[in-house]
C-alpha atoms as a PDB file:
ATOM      1  CA  MET A   1     -39.776  12.764  25.875  1.00  0.00           C
ATOM      2  CA  LEU A   2     -40.144  16.236  24.460  1.00  0.00           C
ATOM      3  CA  ARG A   3     -40.189  15.185  20.850  1.00  0.00           C
ATOM      4  CA  SER A   4     -42.823  13.878  18.463  1.00  0.00           C
ATOM      5  CA  ASN A   5     -44.382  14.336  15.088  1.00  0.00           C
ATOM      6  CA  GLY A   6     -47.758  14.926  16.688  1.00  0.00           C
ATOM      7  CA  PRO A   7     -49.061  16.086  20.066  1.00  0.00           C
ATOM      8  CA  ILE A   8     -46.403  16.698  22.690  1.00  0.00           C
ATOM      9  CA  THR A   9     -46.479  14.725  25.939  1.00  0.00           C
ATOM     10  CA  LEU A  10     -44.574  15.366  29.139  1.00  0.00           C
ATOM     11  CA  SER A  11     -43.636  11.745  29.852  1.00  0.00           C
ATOM     12  CA  LEU A  12     -40.072  11.460  31.131  1.00  0.00           C
ATOM     13  CA  PRO A  13     -37.497   9.513  29.109  1.00  0.00           C
ATOM     14  CA  PRO A  14     -35.557   6.558  30.555  1.00  0.00           C
ATOM     15  CA  PHE A  15     -32.881   7.451  33.073  1.00  0.00           C
ATOM     16  CA  ARG A  16     -30.124   4.876  32.623  1.00  0.00           C
ATOM     17  CA  GLY A  17     -26.785   4.085  31.044  1.00  0.00           C
ATOM     18  CA  ILE A  18     -24.301   6.739  29.977  1.00  0.00           C
ATOM     19  CA  THR A  19     -26.956   9.445  30.164  1.00  0.00           C
ATOM     20  CA  ARG A  20     -27.531   8.728  33.851  1.00  0.00           C
ATOM     21  CA  ARG A  21     -23.798   8.756  34.561  1.00  0.00           C
ATOM     22  CA  ILE A  22     -23.276  12.130  32.893  1.00  0.00           C
ATOM     23  CA  VAL A  23     -26.288  13.667  34.652  1.00  0.00           C
ATOM     24  CA  LEU A  24     -25.334  12.262  38.061  1.00  0.00           C
ATOM     25  CA  ILE A  25     -21.705  13.370  37.749  1.00  0.00           C
ATOM     26  CA  GLY A  26     -22.885  16.841  36.735  1.00  0.00           C
ATOM     27  CA  LEU A  27     -25.374  16.997  39.614  1.00  0.00           C
ATOM     28  CA  ILE A  28     -22.892  15.751  42.211  1.00  0.00           C
ATOM     29  CA  SER A  29     -20.203  18.166  41.048  1.00  0.00           C
ATOM     30  CA  PHE A  30     -22.692  21.038  41.203  1.00  0.00           C
ATOM     31  CA  LEU A  31     -23.689  20.157  44.780  1.00  0.00           C
ATOM     32  CA  VAL A  32     -20.055  19.773  45.863  1.00  0.00           C
ATOM     33  CA  PHE A  33     -19.143  23.173  44.439  1.00  0.00           C
ATOM     34  CA  ALA A  34     -22.227  24.733  46.024  1.00  0.00           C
ATOM     35  CA  VAL A  35     -21.153  23.451  49.448  1.00  0.00           C
ATOM     36  CA  LEU A  36     -17.566  24.599  48.914  1.00  0.00           C
ATOM     37  CA  ALA A  37     -18.728  28.037  47.800  1.00  0.00           C
ATOM     38  CA  ALA A  38     -20.833  28.370  50.945  1.00  0.00           C
ATOM     39  CA  PHE A  39     -18.287  27.204  53.510  1.00  0.00           C
ATOM     40  CA  LEU A  40     -14.832  26.953  51.894  1.00  0.00           C
ATOM     41  CA  ASN A  41     -14.701  29.619  49.234  1.00  0.00           C
ATOM     42  CA  PRO A  42     -10.877  29.574  48.738  1.00  0.00           C
ATOM     43  CA  LEU A  43     -10.944  25.786  48.219  1.00  0.00           C
ATOM     44  CA  GLU A  44     -13.813  26.168  45.763  1.00  0.00           C
ATOM     45  CA  ALA A  45     -11.708  28.562  43.658  1.00  0.00           C
ATOM     46  CA  VAL A  46      -8.832  26.068  43.652  1.00  0.00           C
ATOM     47  CA  MET A  47     -11.117  23.193  42.623  1.00  0.00           C
ATOM     48  CA  VAL A  48     -12.598  25.230  39.782  1.00  0.00           C
ATOM     49  CA  GLY A  49      -9.101  25.871  38.484  1.00  0.00           C
ATOM     50  CA  LEU A  50      -8.461  22.126  38.480  1.00  0.00           C
ATOM     51  CA  ILE A  51     -11.369  21.248  36.189  1.00  0.00           C
ATOM     52  CA  GLN A  52     -12.207  24.263  34.004  1.00  0.00           C
ATOM     53  CA  LEU A  53     -10.798  24.399  30.490  1.00  0.00           C
ATOM     54  CA  GLU A  54      -7.981  26.929  30.404  1.00  0.00           C
ATOM     55  CA  PRO A  55      -5.694  26.455  27.366  1.00  0.00           C
ATOM     56  CA  ARG A  56      -2.632  27.834  29.138  1.00  0.00           C
ATOM     57  CA  ARG A  57      -2.889  25.318  31.967  1.00  0.00           C
ATOM     58  CA  ALA A  58      -3.865  22.473  29.656  1.00  0.00           C
ATOM     59  CA  ALA A  59      -0.743  23.101  27.594  1.00  0.00           C
ATOM     60  CA  HIS A  60       1.475  22.992  30.691  1.00  0.00           C
ATOM     61  CA  GLY A  61       0.676  19.537  32.006  1.00  0.00           C
ATOM     62  CA  MET A  62      -2.962  19.769  33.122  1.00  0.00           C
ATOM     63  CA  PHE A  63      -4.123  17.715  30.144  1.00  0.00           C
ATOM     64  CA  TRP A  64      -7.205  16.380  31.976  1.00  0.00           C
ATOM     65  CA  LEU A  65      -8.870  19.783  31.643  1.00  0.00           C
ATOM     66  CA  VAL A  66     -10.049  18.906  28.117  1.00  0.00           C
ATOM     67  CA  LEU A  67     -12.261  16.219  29.707  1.00  0.00           C
ATOM     68  CA  THR A  68     -13.333  17.659  33.068  1.00  0.00           C
ATOM     69  CA  TYR A  69     -14.614  21.088  32.038  1.00  0.00           C
ATOM     70  CA  PRO A  70     -18.248  19.996  31.462  1.00  0.00           C
ATOM     71  CA  PHE A  71     -18.619  19.238  35.179  1.00  0.00           C
ATOM     72  CA  GLY A  72     -18.366  22.614  36.826  1.00  0.00           C
ATOM     73  CA  PRO A  73     -20.338  25.079  38.956  1.00  0.00           C
ATOM     74  CA  PRO A  74     -22.491  27.286  36.692  1.00  0.00           C
ATOM     75  CA  ALA A  75     -25.581  29.091  37.954  1.00  0.00           C
ATOM     76  CA  ILE A  76     -28.328  26.853  39.298  1.00  0.00           C
ATOM     77  CA  VAL A  77     -30.812  27.642  36.505  1.00  0.00           C
ATOM     78  CA  SER A  78     -28.190  27.057  33.816  1.00  0.00           C
ATOM     79  CA  GLU A  79     -27.147  23.776  35.464  1.00  0.00           C
ATOM     80  CA  LEU A  80     -30.753  22.612  35.757  1.00  0.00           C
ATOM     81  CA  PHE A  81     -31.560  23.207  32.086  1.00  0.00           C
ATOM     82  CA  SER A  82     -28.285  21.718  30.871  1.00  0.00           C
ATOM     83  CA  LEU A  83     -28.824  18.528  32.911  1.00  0.00           C
ATOM     84  CA  LEU A  84     -32.414  18.238  31.693  1.00  0.00           C
ATOM     85  CA  SER A  85     -31.255  18.723  28.111  1.00  0.00           C
ATOM     86  CA  VAL A  86     -28.634  15.979  28.486  1.00  0.00           C
ATOM     87  CA  TRP A  87     -31.322  13.718  29.954  1.00  0.00           C
ATOM     88  CA  PHE A  88     -33.885  14.285  27.212  1.00  0.00           C
ATOM     89  CA  PHE A  89     -31.599  14.278  24.171  1.00  0.00           C
ATOM     90  CA  GLY A  90     -29.035  11.829  25.538  1.00  0.00           C
ATOM     91  CA  SER A  91     -31.571   9.171  26.552  1.00  0.00           C
ATOM     92  CA  THR A  92     -33.213   9.254  23.125  1.00  0.00           C
ATOM     93  CA  LEU A  93     -29.910   8.896  21.290  1.00  0.00           C
ATOM     94  CA  GLU A  94     -28.703   6.223  23.711  1.00  0.00           C
ATOM     95  CA  ASP A  95     -31.851   4.147  23.164  1.00  0.00           C
ATOM     96  CA  GLU A  96     -31.373   4.335  19.414  1.00  0.00           C
ATOM     97  CA  ARG A  97     -27.594   4.174  19.024  1.00  0.00           C
ATOM     98  CA  GLY A  98     -26.511   2.366  22.173  1.00  0.00           C
ATOM     99  CA  SER A  99     -24.600   3.260  25.330  1.00  0.00           C
ATOM    100  CA  ARG A 100     -21.221   2.621  23.733  1.00  0.00           C
ATOM    101  CA  TRP A 101     -22.012   5.067  20.929  1.00  0.00           C
ATOM    102  CA  LEU A 102     -23.133   7.809  23.319  1.00  0.00           C
ATOM    103  CA  GLY A 103     -20.052   7.320  25.502  1.00  0.00           C
ATOM    104  CA  GLU A 104     -17.795   7.655  22.475  1.00  0.00           C
ATOM    105  CA  TYR A 105     -19.742  10.685  21.280  1.00  0.00           C
ATOM    106  CA  PHE A 106     -19.304  12.399  24.658  1.00  0.00           C
ATOM    107  CA  LEU A 107     -15.562  11.712  24.756  1.00  0.00           C
ATOM    108  CA  VAL A 108     -14.880  12.646  21.126  1.00  0.00           C
ATOM    109  CA  SER A 109     -16.936  15.842  21.160  1.00  0.00           C
ATOM    110  CA  THR A 110     -15.759  16.988  24.614  1.00  0.00           C
ATOM    111  CA  ILE A 111     -12.061  16.156  24.269  1.00  0.00           C
ATOM    112  CA  GLY A 112     -11.874  17.026  20.582  1.00  0.00           C
ATOM    113  CA  GLY A 113     -13.684  20.322  21.126  1.00  0.00           C
ATOM    114  CA  GLY A 114     -11.488  21.203  24.099  1.00  0.00           C
ATOM    115  CA  ILE A 115      -8.292  20.518  22.152  1.00  0.00           C
ATOM    116  CA  LEU A 116      -9.527  22.407  19.089  1.00  0.00           C
ATOM    117  CA  ALA A 117     -10.598  25.426  21.165  1.00  0.00           C
ATOM    118  CA  SER A 118      -7.201  25.469  22.897  1.00  0.00           C
ATOM    119  CA  LEU A 119      -5.344  25.319  19.575  1.00  0.00           C
ATOM    120  CA  ILE A 120      -7.422  28.172  18.156  1.00  0.00           C
ATOM    121  CA  SER A 121      -6.819  30.168  21.324  1.00  0.00           C
ATOM    122  CA  TYR A 122      -3.061  29.858  20.905  1.00  0.00           C
ATOM    123  CA  ALA A 123      -3.302  30.525  17.164  1.00  0.00           C
ATOM    124  CA  VAL A 124      -5.004  33.906  17.695  1.00  0.00           C
ATOM    125  CA  ALA A 125      -3.179  34.816  20.917  1.00  0.00           C
ATOM    126  CA  GLY A 126      -2.202  38.477  20.893  1.00  0.00           C
ATOM    127  CA  ARG A 127      -4.622  39.359  18.084  1.00  0.00           C
ATOM    128  CA  VAL A 128      -7.944  38.514  19.772  1.00  0.00           C
ATOM    129  CA  PRO A 129      -7.723  39.342  23.502  1.00  0.00           C
ATOM    130  CA  ALA A 130     -11.059  37.677  24.301  1.00  0.00           C
ATOM    131  CA  LEU A 131      -9.666  34.329  23.079  1.00  0.00           C
ATOM    132  CA  ASP A 132      -6.381  34.529  24.947  1.00  0.00           C
ATOM    133  CA  PRO A 133      -5.144  31.185  26.396  1.00  0.00           C
ATOM    134  CA  SER A 134      -5.593  32.607  29.895  1.00  0.00           C
ATOM    135  CA  HIS A 135      -9.383  32.630  29.471  1.00  0.00           C
ATOM    136  CA  ALA A 136     -11.370  29.672  30.753  1.00  0.00           C
ATOM    137  CA  THR A 137     -14.751  28.013  30.320  1.00  0.00           C
ATOM    138  CA  ILE A 138     -16.757  25.454  32.270  1.00  0.00           C
ATOM    139  CA  GLY A 139     -20.149  23.770  32.047  1.00  0.00           C
ATOM    140  CA  LEU A 140     -22.219  21.194  30.138  1.00  0.00           C
ATOM    141  CA  TRP A 141     -23.695  23.518  27.523  1.00  0.00           C
ATOM    142  CA  PRO A 142     -21.059  22.769  24.842  1.00  0.00           C
ATOM    143  CA  PHE A 143     -21.934  19.065  25.050  1.00  0.00           C
ATOM    144  CA  VAL A 144     -25.644  19.930  25.055  1.00  0.00           C
ATOM    145  CA  LEU A 145     -25.085  21.722  21.749  1.00  0.00           C
ATOM    146  CA  ALA A 146     -23.327  18.625  20.366  1.00  0.00           C
ATOM    147  CA  LEU A 147     -26.233  16.458  21.553  1.00  0.00           C
ATOM    148  CA  LEU A 148     -28.750  18.784  19.933  1.00  0.00           C
ATOM    149  CA  LEU A 149     -26.770  18.630  16.693  1.00  0.00           C
ATOM    150  CA  ALA A 150     -26.810  14.811  16.771  1.00  0.00           C
ATOM    151  CA  PHE A 151     -30.526  14.780  17.571  1.00  0.00           C
ATOM    152  CA  ALA A 152     -31.218  17.165  14.702  1.00  0.00           C
ATOM    153  CA  ARG A 153     -29.225  14.962  12.319  1.00  0.00           C
ATOM    154  CA  PHE A 154     -31.276  11.869  13.139  1.00  0.00           C
ATOM    155  CA  HIS A 155     -34.619  13.564  13.913  1.00  0.00           C
ATOM    156  CA  GLY A 156     -34.470  16.837  12.011  1.00  0.00           C
ATOM    157  CA  ASP A 157     -38.241  17.066  11.476  1.00  0.00           C
ATOM    158  CA  SER A 158     -39.204  16.129  15.040  1.00  0.00           C
ATOM    159  CA  GLU A 159     -40.974  18.929  16.863  1.00  0.00           C
ATOM    160  CA  LEU A 160     -39.627  20.247  20.153  1.00  0.00           C
ATOM    161  CA  ARG A 161     -41.138  22.814  22.499  1.00  0.00           C
ATOM    162  CA  VAL A 162     -38.720  25.455  23.711  1.00  0.00           C
ATOM    163  CA  TYR A 163     -39.477  26.207  27.378  1.00  0.00           C
ATOM    164  CA  PHE A 164     -42.442  23.807  26.972  1.00  0.00           C
ATOM    165  CA  VAL A 165     -44.294  26.475  24.944  1.00  0.00           C
ATOM    166  CA  ILE A 166     -42.763  27.411  21.578  1.00  0.00           C
ATOM    167  CA  PRO A 167     -42.953  24.599  18.954  1.00  0.00           C
ATOM    168  CA  ILE A 168     -39.956  24.318  16.629  1.00  0.00           C
ATOM    169  CA  LYS A 169     -38.352  21.561  14.560  1.00  0.00           C
ATOM    170  CA  ALA A 170     -35.119  20.097  15.878  1.00  0.00           C
ATOM    171  CA  LYS A 171     -33.058  21.062  12.824  1.00  0.00           C
ATOM    172  CA  PHE A 172     -34.103  24.704  13.118  1.00  0.00           C
ATOM    173  CA  LEU A 173     -33.412  24.777  16.851  1.00  0.00           C
ATOM    174  CA  ALA A 174     -29.924  23.359  16.281  1.00  0.00           C
ATOM    175  CA  ALA A 175     -29.280  25.989  13.595  1.00  0.00           C
ATOM    176  CA  ILE A 176     -30.442  28.795  15.912  1.00  0.00           C
ATOM    177  CA  TYR A 177     -28.181  27.632  18.726  1.00  0.00           C
ATOM    178  CA  MET A 178     -25.198  27.297  16.373  1.00  0.00           C
ATOM    179  CA  LEU A 179     -25.746  30.791  15.003  1.00  0.00           C
ATOM    180  CA  PHE A 180     -26.089  32.172  18.534  1.00  0.00           C
ATOM    181  CA  TYR A 181     -22.794  30.631  19.683  1.00  0.00           C
ATOM    182  CA  LEU A 182     -21.047  31.676  16.478  1.00  0.00           C
ATOM    183  CA  ALA A 183     -22.253  35.252  16.899  1.00  0.00           C
ATOM    184  CA  THR A 184     -21.230  35.286  20.558  1.00  0.00           C
ATOM    185  CA  SER A 185     -17.758  33.982  19.751  1.00  0.00           C
ATOM    186  CA  LEU A 186     -17.310  36.758  17.180  1.00  0.00           C
ATOM    187  CA  ILE A 187     -18.867  39.875  18.654  1.00  0.00           C
ATOM    188  CA  GLY A 188     -18.856  39.705  22.431  1.00  0.00           C
ATOM    189  CA  GLY A 189     -19.936  38.094  25.642  1.00  0.00           C
ATOM    190  CA  ASP A 190     -18.155  34.922  26.724  1.00  0.00           C
ATOM    191  CA  GLN A 191     -16.268  34.551  23.463  1.00  0.00           C
ATOM    192  CA  PHE A 192     -13.978  31.735  24.563  1.00  0.00           C
ATOM    193  CA  GLY A 193     -16.892  29.774  26.037  1.00  0.00           C
ATOM    194  CA  ALA A 194     -18.924  30.256  22.870  1.00  0.00           C
ATOM    195  CA  MET A 195     -15.999  29.243  20.675  1.00  0.00           C
ATOM    196  CA  THR A 196     -15.538  26.111  22.803  1.00  0.00           C
ATOM    197  CA  ALA A 197     -19.206  25.218  22.309  1.00  0.00           C
ATOM    198  CA  VAL A 198     -18.829  25.596  18.545  1.00  0.00           C
ATOM    199  CA  CYS A 199     -15.659  23.459  18.584  1.00  0.00           C
ATOM    200  CA  VAL A 200     -17.393  20.747  20.633  1.00  0.00           C
ATOM    201  CA  ALA A 201     -20.318  20.735  18.198  1.00  0.00           C
ATOM    202  CA  LEU A 202     -17.899  20.562  15.251  1.00  0.00           C
ATOM    203  CA  SER A 203     -16.052  17.614  16.802  1.00  0.00           C
ATOM    204  CA  GLY A 204     -19.371  15.883  17.386  1.00  0.00           C
ATOM    205  CA  TYR A 205     -20.434  16.521  13.807  1.00  0.00           C
ATOM    206  CA  LEU A 206     -17.204  15.042  12.456  1.00  0.00           C
ATOM    207  CA  TYR A 207     -17.837  11.962  14.593  1.00  0.00           C
ATOM    208  CA  LEU A 208     -21.359  11.679  13.182  1.00  0.00           C
ATOM    209  CA  VAL A 209     -20.065  11.926   9.619  1.00  0.00           C
ATOM    210  CA  LEU A 210     -16.897   9.838   9.819  1.00  0.00           C
ATOM    211  CA  ALA A 211     -17.453   7.247  12.543  1.00  0.00           C
ATOM    212  CA  PRO A 212     -19.287   3.936  11.941  1.00  0.00           C
ATOM    213  CA  ASN A 213     -22.946   3.887  12.922  1.00  0.00           C
ATOM    214  CA  ARG A 214     -22.386   1.596  15.896  1.00  0.00           C
ATOM    215  CA  GLY A 215     -19.320   3.387  17.187  1.00  0.00           C
ATOM    216  CA  VAL A 216     -15.572   3.273  16.675  1.00  0.00           C
ATOM    217  CA  ARG A 217     -14.908   0.767  19.442  1.00  0.00           C
ATOM    218  CA  LEU A 218     -17.348  -1.846  18.100  1.00  0.00           C
ATOM    219  CA  ALA A 219     -16.148  -1.374  14.531  1.00  0.00           C
ATOM    220  CA  GLY A 220     -12.546  -1.663  15.716  1.00  0.00           C
ATOM    221  CA  SER A 221     -13.222  -4.882  17.621  1.00  0.00           C
ATOM    222  CA  GLU A 222     -15.011  -6.375  14.615  1.00  0.00           C
ATOM    223  CA  ARG A 223     -12.097  -5.421  12.393  1.00  0.00           C
ATOM    224  CA  TRP A 224      -9.637  -6.961  14.845  1.00  0.00           C
ATOM    225  CA  TYR A 225     -11.519 -10.274  14.976  1.00  0.00           C
ATOM    226  CA  SER A 226     -11.832 -10.255  11.205  1.00  0.00           C
ATOM    227  CA  LEU A 227      -8.058  -9.877  10.845  1.00  0.00           C
ATOM    228  CA  ARG A 228      -7.448 -12.561  13.460  1.00  0.00           C
ATOM    229  CA  ASN A 229      -9.787 -15.005  11.737  1.00  0.00           C
ATOM    230  CA  ALA A 230      -8.164 -14.257   8.373  1.00  0.00           C
ATOM    231  CA  TYR A 231      -4.770 -15.047   9.915  1.00  0.00           C
ATOM    232  CA  TYR A 232      -5.982 -18.395  11.291  1.00  0.00           C
ATOM    233  CA  ARG A 233      -7.606 -19.308   7.968  1.00  0.00           C
ATOM    234  CA  ALA A 234      -4.365 -18.566   6.132  1.00  0.00           C
ATOM    235  CA  LYS A 235      -2.453 -20.605   8.723  1.00  0.00           C
ATOM    236  CA  ARG A 236      -4.849 -23.527   8.233  1.00  0.00           C
ATOM    237  CA  ARG A 237      -4.451 -23.382   4.443  1.00  0.00           C
ATOM    238  CA  ARG A 238      -0.652 -23.524   4.795  1.00  0.00           C
ATOM    239  CA  ALA A 239      -0.906 -26.485   7.162  1.00  0.00           C
ATOM    240  CA  ALA A 240      -3.330 -28.253   4.792  1.00  0.00           C
ATOM    241  CA  LYS A 241      -0.944 -27.715   1.882  1.00  0.00           C
ATOM    242  CA  LYS A 242       1.947 -29.216   3.854  1.00  0.00           C
ATOM    243  CA  PHE A 243      -0.256 -32.144   4.848  1.00  0.00           C
ATOM    244  CA  THR A 244      -1.227 -32.736   1.213  1.00  0.00           C
ATOM    245  CA  VAL A 245       2.445 -32.800   0.149  1.00  0.00           C
ATOM    246  CA  TYR A 246       3.282 -35.219   2.983  1.00  0.00           C
ATOM    247  CA  MET A 247       0.435 -37.594   2.080  1.00  0.00           C
ATOM    248  CA  LYS A 248       1.501 -37.602  -1.589  1.00  0.00           C
ATOM    249  CA  LYS A 249       4.962 -38.750  -0.502  1.00  0.00           C
ATOM    250  CA  GLN A 250       3.208 -41.604   1.285  1.00  0.00           C
ATOM    251  CA  GLY A 251       1.396 -42.532  -1.924  1.00  0.00           C
ATOM    252  CA  LYS A 252      -1.998 -41.264  -0.805  1.00  0.00           C
ATOM    253  CA  GLU A 253      -4.227 -38.606  -2.315  1.00  0.00           C
ATOM    254  CA  VAL A 254      -5.908 -36.150   0.001  1.00  0.00           C
ATOM    255  CA  ASN A 255      -8.453 -33.588  -1.203  1.00  0.00           C
ATOM    256  CA  ILE A 256      -8.427 -30.194   0.475  1.00  0.00           C
ATOM    257  CA  ASP A 257     -10.764 -27.331  -0.420  1.00  0.00           C
ATOM    258  CA  ALA A 258      -9.733 -23.683  -0.894  1.00  0.00           C
ATOM    259  CA  ASP A 259     -10.260 -22.972   2.815  1.00  0.00           C
ATOM    260  CA  GLY A 260      -7.967 -25.802   3.915  1.00  0.00           C
ATOM    261  CA  ARG A 261     -10.771 -28.173   4.903  1.00  0.00           C
ATOM    262  CA  TYR A 262     -10.547 -31.919   4.301  1.00  0.00           C
ATOM    263  CA  ILE A 263     -12.879 -33.296   1.588  1.00  0.00           C
ATOM    264  CA  ASP A 264     -14.202 -36.793   2.165  1.00  0.00           C
ATOM    265  CA  PRO A 265     -13.225 -38.905  -0.897  1.00  0.00           C
ATOM    266  CA  THR A 266     -16.585 -40.694  -0.730  1.00  0.00           C
ATOM    267  CA  GLY A 267     -18.386 -37.391  -1.227  1.00  0.00           C
ATOM    268  CA  THR A 268     -20.183 -37.632   2.115  1.00  0.00           C
ATOM    269  CA  PRO A 269     -20.982 -34.136   3.450  1.00  0.00           C
ATOM    270  CA  ARG A 270     -19.222 -33.265   6.666  1.00  0.00           C
ATOM    271  CA  ASP A 271     -21.387 -33.348   9.776  1.00  0.00           C
ATOM    272  CA  PRO A 272     -20.936 -29.975  11.530  1.00  0.00           C
ATOM    273  CA  ASN A 273     -21.585 -31.723  14.852  1.00  0.00           C
ATOM    274  CA  ASP A 274     -18.830 -34.285  14.290  1.00  0.00           C
ATOM    275  CA  LYS A 275     -16.005 -33.195  16.592  1.00  0.00           C
ATOM    276  CA  ARG A 276     -13.518 -35.685  15.099  1.00  0.00           C
ATOM    277  CA  TRP A 277     -12.778 -33.224  12.304  1.00  0.00           C
ATOM    278  CA  MET A 278     -12.004 -29.736  13.529  1.00  0.00           C
ATOM    279  CA  ASN A 279     -11.881 -28.111  10.094  1.00  0.00           C
END
């Protein structure tokens, strides 16, 4: 991996999980568009329109555009570096945070950034021509910026080598990229594309700050099972209370603890392996 606190090595990071899926989808889509551009140029233009983020189309039924726009046909050098960046940063974060976390981070940052960029585009329509809803963007670089931001948050002092030559700490590299995209979105160039990258990074940052460390899905499932178990415990306590009342009417005393479990009157501890008592 291209990160360390000491000498830099060129060993490749693991290629698996969500990182592999994103890289392979990006590579396959690039090759498909390259073939279409070479032999079926009109079809290639149609396919680009079906996946690139264009706020006007997204607002008129093509809602999938907020998810598909990372997988498009940029220039070969740009595609190569973006895929390598996803591989290096994504694999490191996936090893540390888990595949589920990285998958959620991709979806939240990509979809959230696409929606936010579209809303801003409509909000400034007519006042900022370069951000008009008819403009479009495509490519993995917005997600790469979100990945770099996440990497800088967890490994801010780790040293990276830009173009394998220039050493720089991750937090400074993330700041430089953010400033570059902010400046581009304000003063020229591909303003809508730059604004989308900033929105994707912002959505990713909000996920980093607000979401549980192990991901929303895992935290949600744990919360669901906690609520379910609380319901069954309350149900058992109600049943134990009814049983106690019934036994009193029969002239017998039954001891039940606060959790609704039967207490042996002899004081003998309950054997957890004894299946005769399921409480």
